[in-house]
Amino acid sequence: MRLRALKWAPAQPDEARGTLWSRLRVAETTEEVPMDNPRAEKVAVVDEVRAKFDEADAAILTEYRGLKVKDLAELRRTLRANGGDYKVYKNTLVRLATNELGLADLDPMLTGPTGIAFVKGDAAAVAKSLKDFSRTNALLVVKGGVLGDKILDDRETSALAELPSREVLLARLAGGIAAPLQQLAGLLQALPRNFAYGLAALRDQVEASGGAGSAPADEPAADSPATAEPEAEHPADAAATESAGAPQATPDAEEPSEAPTES
């Protein structure tokens, strides 16, 4: 490939005028400039950026134009406490890495001084830290980012900062799981007690129904003497029948028993 190079050279004497005068002129020449292979340092940076995107759960791109070194150091400390790693690379090298990873949609964000917050863990906490920092340092601008395989714009990244932290979500999840388990434990504890109450009620009902059923069965036993009375009176009836069937003495039969009296 041939490139055009510009060189500055002192002016030569102007023989037509016969005078020497000092001036500078631009001599345009064309020379062969070979293209060198990419330096190993650049290749290492591209590999590092690609590895950072591969290992991160999320990445948030920001513009730090105008921030002082001490401000960037404070930002790095804040993000590191929440699982974020704030890095600054050349946009061209980052673009090479993201294109290899299929994240070419990040290219419009790779303009100007760009800092990338790589996240391992809670992306919402890092996004919230960036948003809080930008409130006191307006020079920090959140451009967008990537969460998993999804590209986020600035509004979606801002919405990510409004989400509860991972600890809060885990606490809510644990509470949602614990509530049905507590209800189940209460039901299991109440089951034996209710079963005992049911058995007691069934026993009382059986005893009540058994007492009511035995009373009619005992009544004929109480009346049995009354039914036995005719049997006791039966000999008397037999005697009466015998007396009734025996021949009674007639007046004619009694007359001979009296002796006749003589005068």
Foldseek 3Di string as FASTA:
>chain_A
DKDKDKDKDWDDQDVVVPDDDTDIDIDTDIDDDDDDDDDPVLVVVLVVLLVLVVQFQKKWKKAQPPDDPVLVVVLQVQLVVVAKHKDWDQLVSNCVSCVVVVNNVCNVVSDHGMIMIGGDAWLLSNLLSQVVSCVVVVSMGTAWIDRHHDTGGRVRSNVSVVDDTPVVVVVVVVVVVVVVVVVVVVCVVCVVVVVVVVVVVVVVVVVVVVVVVVVVVCVVVVCVVVVCVVVVCVVVVVVVVVVVPDDDDDPVNCVVVDDDDDD
